[in-house]
PDB file of N, CA and C in Angstrom:
ATOM      1  N   UNK A   1     -65.782 -50.527 -47.592  1.00  0.00           N
ATOM      2  CA  UNK A   1     -66.069 -48.996 -47.785  1.00  0.00           C
ATOM      3  C   UNK A   1     -66.322 -48.441 -46.247  1.00  0.00           C
ATOM      4  N   UNK A   2     -65.815 -47.442 -45.913  1.00  0.00           N
ATOM      5  CA  UNK A   2     -66.030 -46.792 -44.707  1.00  0.00           C
ATOM      6  C   UNK A   2     -67.340 -46.216 -44.461  1.00  0.00           C
ATOM      7  N   UNK A   3     -67.964 -46.395 -43.443  1.00  0.00           N
ATOM      8  CA  UNK A   3     -69.167 -45.896 -42.885  1.00  0.00           C
ATOM      9  C   UNK A   3     -69.122 -44.390 -42.482  1.00  0.00           C
ATOM     10  N   UNK A   4     -67.641 -43.988 -42.270  1.00  0.00           N
ATOM     11  CA  UNK A   4     -67.420 -42.697 -41.770  1.00  0.00           C
ATOM     12  C   UNK A   4     -67.487 -41.669 -42.861  1.00  0.00           C
ATOM     13  N   UNK A   5     -68.192 -40.732 -42.665  1.00  0.00           N
ATOM     14  CA  UNK A   5     -68.359 -39.632 -43.724  1.00  0.00           C
ATOM     15  C   UNK A   5     -67.552 -38.424 -43.474  1.00  0.00           C
ATOM     16  N   UNK A   6     -67.640 -37.386 -44.200  1.00  0.00           N
ATOM     17  CA  UNK A   6     -66.882 -36.111 -44.046  1.00  0.00           C
ATOM     18  C   UNK A   6     -67.486 -35.312 -42.916  1.00  0.00           C
ATOM     19  N   UNK A   7     -66.838 -34.762 -42.137  1.00  0.00           N
ATOM     20  CA  UNK A   7     -67.441 -33.762 -41.271  1.00  0.00           C
ATOM     21  C   UNK A   7     -67.099 -32.466 -41.576  1.00  0.00           C
ATOM     22  N   UNK A   8     -67.731 -31.417 -41.094  1.00  0.00           N
ATOM     23  CA  UNK A   8     -67.367 -30.062 -41.534  1.00  0.00           C
ATOM     24  C   UNK A   8     -67.188 -29.185 -40.313  1.00  0.00           C
ATOM     25  N   UNK A   9     -65.936 -29.185 -39.769  1.00  0.00           N
ATOM     26  CA  UNK A   9     -65.784 -28.213 -38.686  1.00  0.00           C
ATOM     27  C   UNK A   9     -65.879 -26.763 -38.960  1.00  0.00           C
ATOM     28  N   UNK A  10     -65.931 -25.971 -38.084  1.00  0.00           N
ATOM     29  CA  UNK A  10     -66.124 -24.557 -38.350  1.00  0.00           C
ATOM     30  C   UNK A  10     -64.752 -23.827 -38.823  1.00  0.00           C
ATOM     31  N   UNK A  11     -63.699 -24.569 -38.986  1.00  0.00           N
ATOM     32  CA  UNK A  11     -62.432 -23.754 -39.303  1.00  0.00           C
ATOM     33  C   UNK A  11     -62.162 -23.995 -40.822  1.00  0.00           C
ATOM     34  N   UNK A  12     -63.209 -24.309 -41.554  1.00  0.00           N
ATOM     35  CA  UNK A  12     -63.089 -24.237 -43.186  1.00  0.00           C
ATOM     36  C   UNK A  12     -62.297 -25.597 -43.760  1.00  0.00           C
ATOM     37  N   UNK A  13     -62.317 -26.648 -42.955  1.00  0.00           N
ATOM     38  CA  UNK A  13     -61.879 -27.814 -43.509  1.00  0.00           C
ATOM     39  C   UNK A  13     -62.832 -29.100 -43.420  1.00  0.00           C
ATOM     40  N   UNK A  14     -62.624 -29.944 -44.373  1.00  0.00           N
ATOM     41  CA  UNK A  14     -63.402 -31.137 -44.089  1.00  0.00           C
ATOM     42  C   UNK A  14     -62.663 -32.263 -43.574  1.00  0.00           C
ATOM     43  N   UNK A  15     -63.232 -33.169 -42.625  1.00  0.00           N
ATOM     44  CA  UNK A  15     -62.353 -34.131 -42.030  1.00  0.00           C
ATOM     45  C   UNK A  15     -62.858 -35.409 -42.200  1.00  0.00           C
ATOM     46  N   UNK A  16     -62.150 -36.431 -42.522  1.00  0.00           N
ATOM     47  CA  UNK A  16     -62.666 -37.783 -42.614  1.00  0.00           C
ATOM     48  C   UNK A  16     -61.760 -38.795 -41.760  1.00  0.00           C
ATOM     49  N   UNK A  17     -62.182 -39.680 -41.105  1.00  0.00           N
ATOM     50  CA  UNK A  17     -61.486 -40.664 -40.300  1.00  0.00           C
ATOM     51  C   UNK A  17     -61.226 -41.736 -41.376  1.00  0.00           C
ATOM     52  N   UNK A  18     -59.975 -42.160 -41.465  1.00  0.00           N
ATOM     53  CA  UNK A  18     -59.513 -43.387 -42.293  1.00  0.00           C
ATOM     54  C   UNK A  18     -59.302 -44.533 -41.319  1.00  0.00           C
ATOM     55  N   UNK A  19     -60.130 -45.598 -41.583  1.00  0.00           N
ATOM     56  CA  UNK A  19     -60.048 -46.764 -40.715  1.00  0.00           C
ATOM     57  C   UNK A  19     -58.684 -47.531 -41.036  1.00  0.00           C
ATOM     58  N   UNK A  20     -58.250 -48.294 -40.003  1.00  0.00           N
ATOM     59  CA  UNK A  20     -56.888 -48.894 -40.282  1.00  0.00           C
ATOM     60  C   UNK A  20     -56.992 -49.874 -41.451  1.00  0.00           C
ATOM     61  N   UNK A  21     -58.090 -50.579 -41.704  1.00  0.00           N
ATOM     62  CA  UNK A  21     -58.069 -51.523 -42.993  1.00  0.00           C
ATOM     63  C   UNK A  21     -57.920 -50.766 -44.286  1.00  0.00           C
ATOM     64  N   UNK A  22     -58.434 -49.402 -44.145  1.00  0.00           N
ATOM     65  CA  UNK A  22     -58.387 -48.411 -45.454  1.00  0.00           C
ATOM     66  C   UNK A  22     -57.090 -47.880 -45.677  1.00  0.00           C
ATOM     67  N   UNK A  23     -56.130 -47.803 -44.613  1.00  0.00           N
ATOM     68  CA  UNK A  23     -55.057 -47.118 -44.760  1.00  0.00           C
ATOM     69  C   UNK A  23     -53.914 -48.044 -45.326  1.00  0.00           C
ATOM     70  N   UNK A  24     -53.569 -47.637 -46.489  1.00  0.00           N
ATOM     71  CA  UNK A  24     -52.673 -48.672 -47.270  1.00  0.00           C
ATOM     72  C   UNK A  24     -51.294 -47.952 -47.753  1.00  0.00           C
ATOM     73  N   UNK A  25     -51.272 -46.741 -47.313  1.00  0.00           N
ATOM     74  CA  UNK A  25     -49.876 -45.962 -47.707  1.00  0.00           C
ATOM     75  C   UNK A  25     -49.296 -45.369 -46.498  1.00  0.00           C
ATOM     76  N   UNK A  26     -48.172 -44.907 -46.782  1.00  0.00           N
ATOM     77  CA  UNK A  26     -47.396 -44.101 -45.654  1.00  0.00           C
ATOM     78  C   UNK A  26     -47.497 -42.657 -45.964  1.00  0.00           C
ATOM     79  N   UNK A  27     -47.882 -41.944 -44.946  1.00  0.00           N
ATOM     80  CA  UNK A  27     -47.947 -40.517 -45.176  1.00  0.00           C
ATOM     81  C   UNK A  27     -47.186 -39.774 -43.947  1.00  0.00           C
ATOM     82  N   UNK A  28     -46.801 -38.534 -43.949  1.00  0.00           N
ATOM     83  CA  UNK A  28     -46.249 -37.808 -42.784  1.00  0.00           C
ATOM     84  C   UNK A  28     -47.055 -36.951 -42.342  1.00  0.00           C
ATOM     85  N   UNK A  29     -47.327 -37.011 -41.016  1.00  0.00           N
ATOM     86  CA  UNK A  29     -48.322 -36.250 -40.219  1.00  0.00           C
ATOM     87  C   UNK A  29     -47.535 -34.582 -40.054  1.00  0.00           C
ATOM     88  N   UNK A  30     -48.327 -33.610 -40.339  1.00  0.00           N
ATOM     89  CA  UNK A  30     -47.749 -32.163 -40.321  1.00  0.00           C
ATOM     90  C   UNK A  30     -47.841 -31.888 -38.682  1.00  0.00           C
ATOM     91  N   UNK A  31     -48.377 -32.678 -38.064  1.00  0.00           N
ATOM     92  CA  UNK A  31     -48.599 -32.279 -36.554  1.00  0.00           C
ATOM     93  C   UNK A  31     -47.467 -32.541 -35.505  1.00  0.00           C
ATOM     94  N   UNK A  32     -46.729 -33.690 -36.127  1.00  0.00           N
ATOM     95  CA  UNK A  32     -45.539 -34.231 -35.422  1.00  0.00           C
ATOM     96  C   UNK A  32     -44.400 -34.397 -36.335  1.00  0.00           C
ATOM     97  N   UNK A  33     -44.724 -34.537 -37.560  1.00  0.00           N
ATOM     98  CA  UNK A  33     -43.655 -34.779 -38.478  1.00  0.00           C
ATOM     99  C   UNK A  33     -43.107 -36.279 -38.430  1.00  0.00           C
ATOM    100  N   UNK A  34     -43.981 -37.148 -37.928  1.00  0.00           N
ATOM    101  CA  UNK A  34     -43.615 -38.612 -37.888  1.00  0.00           C
ATOM    102  C   UNK A  34     -44.492 -39.239 -38.911  1.00  0.00           C
ATOM    103  N   UNK A  35     -44.120 -40.542 -39.298  1.00  0.00           N
ATOM    104  CA  UNK A  35     -45.051 -41.235 -40.373  1.00  0.00           C
ATOM    105  C   UNK A  35     -46.225 -41.784 -39.882  1.00  0.00           C
ATOM    106  N   UNK A  36     -47.165 -41.915 -40.700  1.00  0.00           N
ATOM    107  CA  UNK A  36     -48.413 -42.663 -40.364  1.00  0.00           C
ATOM    108  C   UNK A  36     -48.202 -43.798 -41.297  1.00  0.00           C
ATOM    109  N   UNK A  37     -48.099 -44.965 -40.815  1.00  0.00           N
ATOM    110  CA  UNK A  37     -47.849 -46.070 -41.596  1.00  0.00           C
ATOM    111  C   UNK A  37     -49.164 -46.905 -42.048  1.00  0.00           C
ATOM    112  N   UNK A  38     -49.079 -47.725 -43.037  1.00  0.00           N
ATOM    113  CA  UNK A  38     -50.083 -48.718 -43.393  1.00  0.00           C
ATOM    114  C   UNK A  38     -50.740 -49.306 -42.135  1.00  0.00           C
ATOM    115  N   UNK A  39     -52.157 -49.514 -42.230  1.00  0.00           N
ATOM    116  CA  UNK A  39     -52.733 -50.159 -41.153  1.00  0.00           C
ATOM    117  C   UNK A  39     -53.061 -49.270 -39.759  1.00  0.00           C
ATOM    118  N   UNK A  40     -52.660 -48.023 -40.060  1.00  0.00           N
ATOM    119  CA  UNK A  40     -52.946 -47.046 -38.903  1.00  0.00           C
ATOM    120  C   UNK A  40     -54.101 -46.075 -39.278  1.00  0.00           C
ATOM    121  N   UNK A  41     -55.156 -46.144 -38.486  1.00  0.00           N
ATOM    122  CA  UNK A  41     -56.283 -45.142 -38.694  1.00  0.00           C
ATOM    123  C   UNK A  41     -55.760 -43.794 -38.332  1.00  0.00           C
ATOM    124  N   UNK A  42     -56.296 -42.950 -39.260  1.00  0.00           N
ATOM    125  CA  UNK A  42     -55.850 -41.466 -39.070  1.00  0.00           C
ATOM    126  C   UNK A  42     -56.968 -40.648 -39.626  1.00  0.00           C
ATOM    127  N   UNK A  43     -56.783 -39.286 -39.634  1.00  0.00           N
ATOM    128  CA  UNK A  43     -57.652 -38.307 -40.081  1.00  0.00           C
ATOM    129  C   UNK A  43     -57.080 -37.744 -41.671  1.00  0.00           C
ATOM    130  N   UNK A  44     -57.947 -37.669 -42.429  1.00  0.00           N
ATOM    131  CA  UNK A  44     -57.732 -36.663 -43.766  1.00  0.00           C
ATOM    132  C   UNK A  44     -58.273 -35.535 -43.517  1.00  0.00           C
ATOM    133  N   UNK A  45     -57.504 -34.392 -43.787  1.00  0.00           N
ATOM    134  CA  UNK A  45     -58.000 -33.017 -43.529  1.00  0.00           C
ATOM    135  C   UNK A  45     -57.836 -32.383 -44.893  1.00  0.00           C
ATOM    136  N   UNK A  46     -59.054 -31.740 -45.198  1.00  0.00           N
ATOM    137  CA  UNK A  46     -59.000 -31.155 -46.732  1.00  0.00           C
ATOM    138  C   UNK A  46     -59.369 -29.726 -46.555  1.00  0.00           C
ATOM    139  N   UNK A  47     -58.781 -28.704 -46.762  1.00  0.00           N
ATOM    140  CA  UNK A  47     -59.276 -27.262 -46.819  1.00  0.00           C
ATOM    141  C   UNK A  47     -60.249 -27.086 -47.827  1.00  0.00           C
ATOM    142  N   UNK A  48     -61.392 -26.606 -47.514  1.00  0.00           N
ATOM    143  CA  UNK A  48     -62.497 -26.373 -48.693  1.00  0.00           C
ATOM    144  C   UNK A  48     -62.064 -25.596 -49.632  1.00  0.00           C
ATOM    145  N   UNK A  49     -61.389 -24.481 -49.430  1.00  0.00           N
ATOM    146  CA  UNK A  49     -60.762 -23.543 -50.398  1.00  0.00           C
ATOM    147  C   UNK A  49     -59.490 -23.983 -51.119  1.00  0.00           C
ATOM    148  N   UNK A  50     -58.811 -24.804 -50.650  1.00  0.00           N
ATOM    149  CA  UNK A  50     -57.659 -25.362 -51.231  1.00  0.00           C
ATOM    150  C   UNK A  50     -57.581 -26.874 -51.059  1.00  0.00           C
ATOM    151  N   UNK A  51     -58.358 -27.685 -51.794  1.00  0.00           N
ATOM    152  CA  UNK A  51     -58.460 -29.186 -51.641  1.00  0.00           C
ATOM    153  C   UNK A  51     -57.065 -29.933 -52.042  1.00  0.00           C
ATOM    154  N   UNK A  52     -56.253 -29.063 -52.959  1.00  0.00           N
ATOM    155  CA  UNK A  52     -54.953 -29.642 -53.159  1.00  0.00           C
ATOM    156  C   UNK A  52     -54.039 -29.785 -52.003  1.00  0.00           C
ATOM    157  N   UNK A  53     -54.310 -29.026 -51.034  1.00  0.00           N
ATOM    158  CA  UNK A  53     -53.497 -28.947 -49.713  1.00  0.00           C
ATOM    159  C   UNK A  53     -54.041 -30.005 -48.680  1.00  0.00           C
ATOM    160  N   UNK A  54     -54.606 -31.231 -49.123  1.00  0.00           N
ATOM    161  CA  UNK A  54     -55.219 -31.959 -48.047  1.00  0.00           C
ATOM    162  C   UNK A  54     -53.988 -32.785 -47.519  1.00  0.00           C
ATOM    163  N   UNK A  55     -54.120 -32.895 -46.174  1.00  0.00           N
ATOM    164  CA  UNK A  55     -52.968 -33.698 -45.360  1.00  0.00           C
ATOM    165  C   UNK A  55     -53.563 -34.713 -44.651  1.00  0.00           C
ATOM    166  N   UNK A  56     -52.648 -35.673 -44.441  1.00  0.00           N
ATOM    167  CA  UNK A  56     -53.140 -36.792 -43.446  1.00  0.00           C
ATOM    168  C   UNK A  56     -52.358 -36.700 -42.199  1.00  0.00           C
ATOM    169  N   UNK A  57     -53.273 -36.628 -40.868  1.00  0.00           N
ATOM    170  CA  UNK A  57     -52.833 -36.346 -39.619  1.00  0.00           C
ATOM    171  C   UNK A  57     -53.093 -37.681 -38.704  1.00  0.00           C
ATOM    172  N   UNK A  58     -52.197 -37.934 -37.819  1.00  0.00           N
ATOM    173  CA  UNK A  58     -52.560 -38.890 -36.563  1.00  0.00           C
ATOM    174  C   UNK A  58     -53.807 -38.174 -36.015  1.00  0.00           C
ATOM    175  N   UNK A  59     -54.678 -39.224 -35.679  1.00  0.00           N
ATOM    176  CA  UNK A  59     -56.042 -38.811 -35.013  1.00  0.00           C
ATOM    177  C   UNK A  59     -55.674 -37.863 -33.685  1.00  0.00           C
ATOM    178  N   UNK A  60     -54.590 -38.262 -32.847  1.00  0.00           N
ATOM    179  CA  UNK A  60     -54.216 -37.649 -31.867  1.00  0.00           C
ATOM    180  C   UNK A  60     -53.748 -36.113 -31.999  1.00  0.00           C
ATOM    181  N   UNK A  61     -52.831 -36.119 -32.941  1.00  0.00           N
ATOM    182  CA  UNK A  61     -52.342 -34.812 -33.515  1.00  0.00           C
ATOM    183  C   UNK A  61     -53.363 -33.879 -33.978  1.00  0.00           C
ATOM    184  N   UNK A  62     -54.342 -34.454 -34.707  1.00  0.00           N
ATOM    185  CA  UNK A  62     -55.313 -33.640 -35.215  1.00  0.00           C
ATOM    186  C   UNK A  62     -56.193 -33.079 -34.009  1.00  0.00           C
ATOM    187  N   UNK A  63     -56.573 -34.056 -33.226  1.00  0.00           N
ATOM    188  CA  UNK A  63     -57.503 -33.448 -32.117  1.00  0.00           C
ATOM    189  C   UNK A  63     -56.813 -32.620 -31.109  1.00  0.00           C
ATOM    190  N   UNK A  64     -55.521 -32.754 -30.946  1.00  0.00           N
ATOM    191  CA  UNK A  64     -54.580 -31.817 -30.021  1.00  0.00           C
ATOM    192  C   UNK A  64     -54.730 -30.452 -30.776  1.00  0.00           C
ATOM    193  N   UNK A  65     -54.327 -30.403 -31.950  1.00  0.00           N
ATOM    194  CA  UNK A  65     -54.400 -29.090 -32.750  1.00  0.00           C
ATOM    195  C   UNK A  65     -55.764 -28.464 -32.866  1.00  0.00           C
ATOM    196  N   UNK A  66     -56.771 -29.186 -32.983  1.00  0.00           N
ATOM    197  CA  UNK A  66     -58.146 -28.646 -32.813  1.00  0.00           C
ATOM    198  C   UNK A  66     -58.397 -28.017 -31.573  1.00  0.00           C
ATOM    199  N   UNK A  67     -58.115 -28.614 -30.461  1.00  0.00           N
ATOM    200  CA  UNK A  67     -58.183 -28.139 -29.073  1.00  0.00           C
ATOM    201  C   UNK A  67     -57.475 -26.744 -29.004  1.00  0.00           C
ATOM    202  N   UNK A  68     -56.230 -26.834 -29.444  1.00  0.00           N
ATOM    203  CA  UNK A  68     -55.406 -25.711 -29.305  1.00  0.00           C
ATOM    204  C   UNK A  68     -56.038 -24.446 -30.144  1.00  0.00           C
ATOM    205  N   UNK A  69     -56.566 -24.669 -31.269  1.00  0.00           N
ATOM    206  CA  UNK A  69     -57.290 -23.784 -32.202  1.00  0.00           C
ATOM    207  C   UNK A  69     -58.401 -23.257 -31.442  1.00  0.00           C
ATOM    208  N   UNK A  70     -59.168 -24.079 -30.720  1.00  0.00           N
ATOM    209  CA  UNK A  70     -60.501 -23.736 -30.020  1.00  0.00           C
ATOM    210  C   UNK A  70     -60.182 -22.906 -28.903  1.00  0.00           C
ATOM    211  N   UNK A  71     -58.992 -23.112 -28.134  1.00  0.00           N
ATOM    212  CA  UNK A  71     -58.564 -22.285 -27.090  1.00  0.00           C
ATOM    213  C   UNK A  71     -58.177 -20.960 -27.530  1.00  0.00           C
ATOM    214  N   UNK A  72     -57.462 -20.873 -28.586  1.00  0.00           N
ATOM    215  CA  UNK A  72     -57.049 -19.597 -28.978  1.00  0.00           C
ATOM    216  C   UNK A  72     -58.306 -18.900 -29.514  1.00  0.00           C
ATOM    217  N   UNK A  73     -59.160 -19.384 -30.186  1.00  0.00           N
ATOM    218  CA  UNK A  73     -60.281 -18.681 -30.547  1.00  0.00           C
ATOM    219  C   UNK A  73     -61.057 -18.165 -29.414  1.00  0.00           C
ATOM    220  N   UNK A  74     -61.344 -18.853 -28.445  1.00  0.00           N
ATOM    221  CA  UNK A  74     -61.995 -18.354 -27.198  1.00  0.00           C
ATOM    222  C   UNK A  74     -61.298 -17.235 -26.637  1.00  0.00           C
ATOM    223  N   UNK A  75     -59.930 -17.242 -26.480  1.00  0.00           N
ATOM    224  CA  UNK A  75     -59.139 -16.190 -25.831  1.00  0.00           C
ATOM    225  C   UNK A  75     -59.287 -14.990 -26.642  1.00  0.00           C
ATOM    226  N   UNK A  76     -59.331 -15.161 -28.038  1.00  0.00           N
ATOM    227  CA  UNK A  76     -59.528 -13.834 -28.688  1.00  0.00           C
ATOM    228  C   UNK A  76     -60.915 -13.154 -28.770  1.00  0.00           C
ATOM    229  N   UNK A  77     -61.801 -14.047 -28.273  1.00  0.00           N
ATOM    230  CA  UNK A  77     -63.185 -13.438 -28.200  1.00  0.00           C
ATOM    231  C   UNK A  77     -63.434 -12.604 -26.861  1.00  0.00           C
ATOM    232  N   UNK A  78     -62.592 -12.880 -25.997  1.00  0.00           N
ATOM    233  CA  UNK A  78     -62.594 -12.230 -24.684  1.00  0.00           C
ATOM    234  C   UNK A  78     -62.270 -10.695 -24.604  1.00  0.00           C
TER     235      UNK A  78
END
């Protein structure tokens, strides 16, 4: 069982890191459209308003997308 819990970023999603030993399926990352294979740690991102739209992201892709959203949000506030 993972010790990592769900986090609650400000953008309306819950995120949980999946440890490599927990990853036993193949998923497709929406950030880069490449596979996330078994044994690869990654992020599970679940929109709070639409949990059926949960997606599995490479950790790097998710963090890159989050930085881009943060920059866009800051530039809108100016």
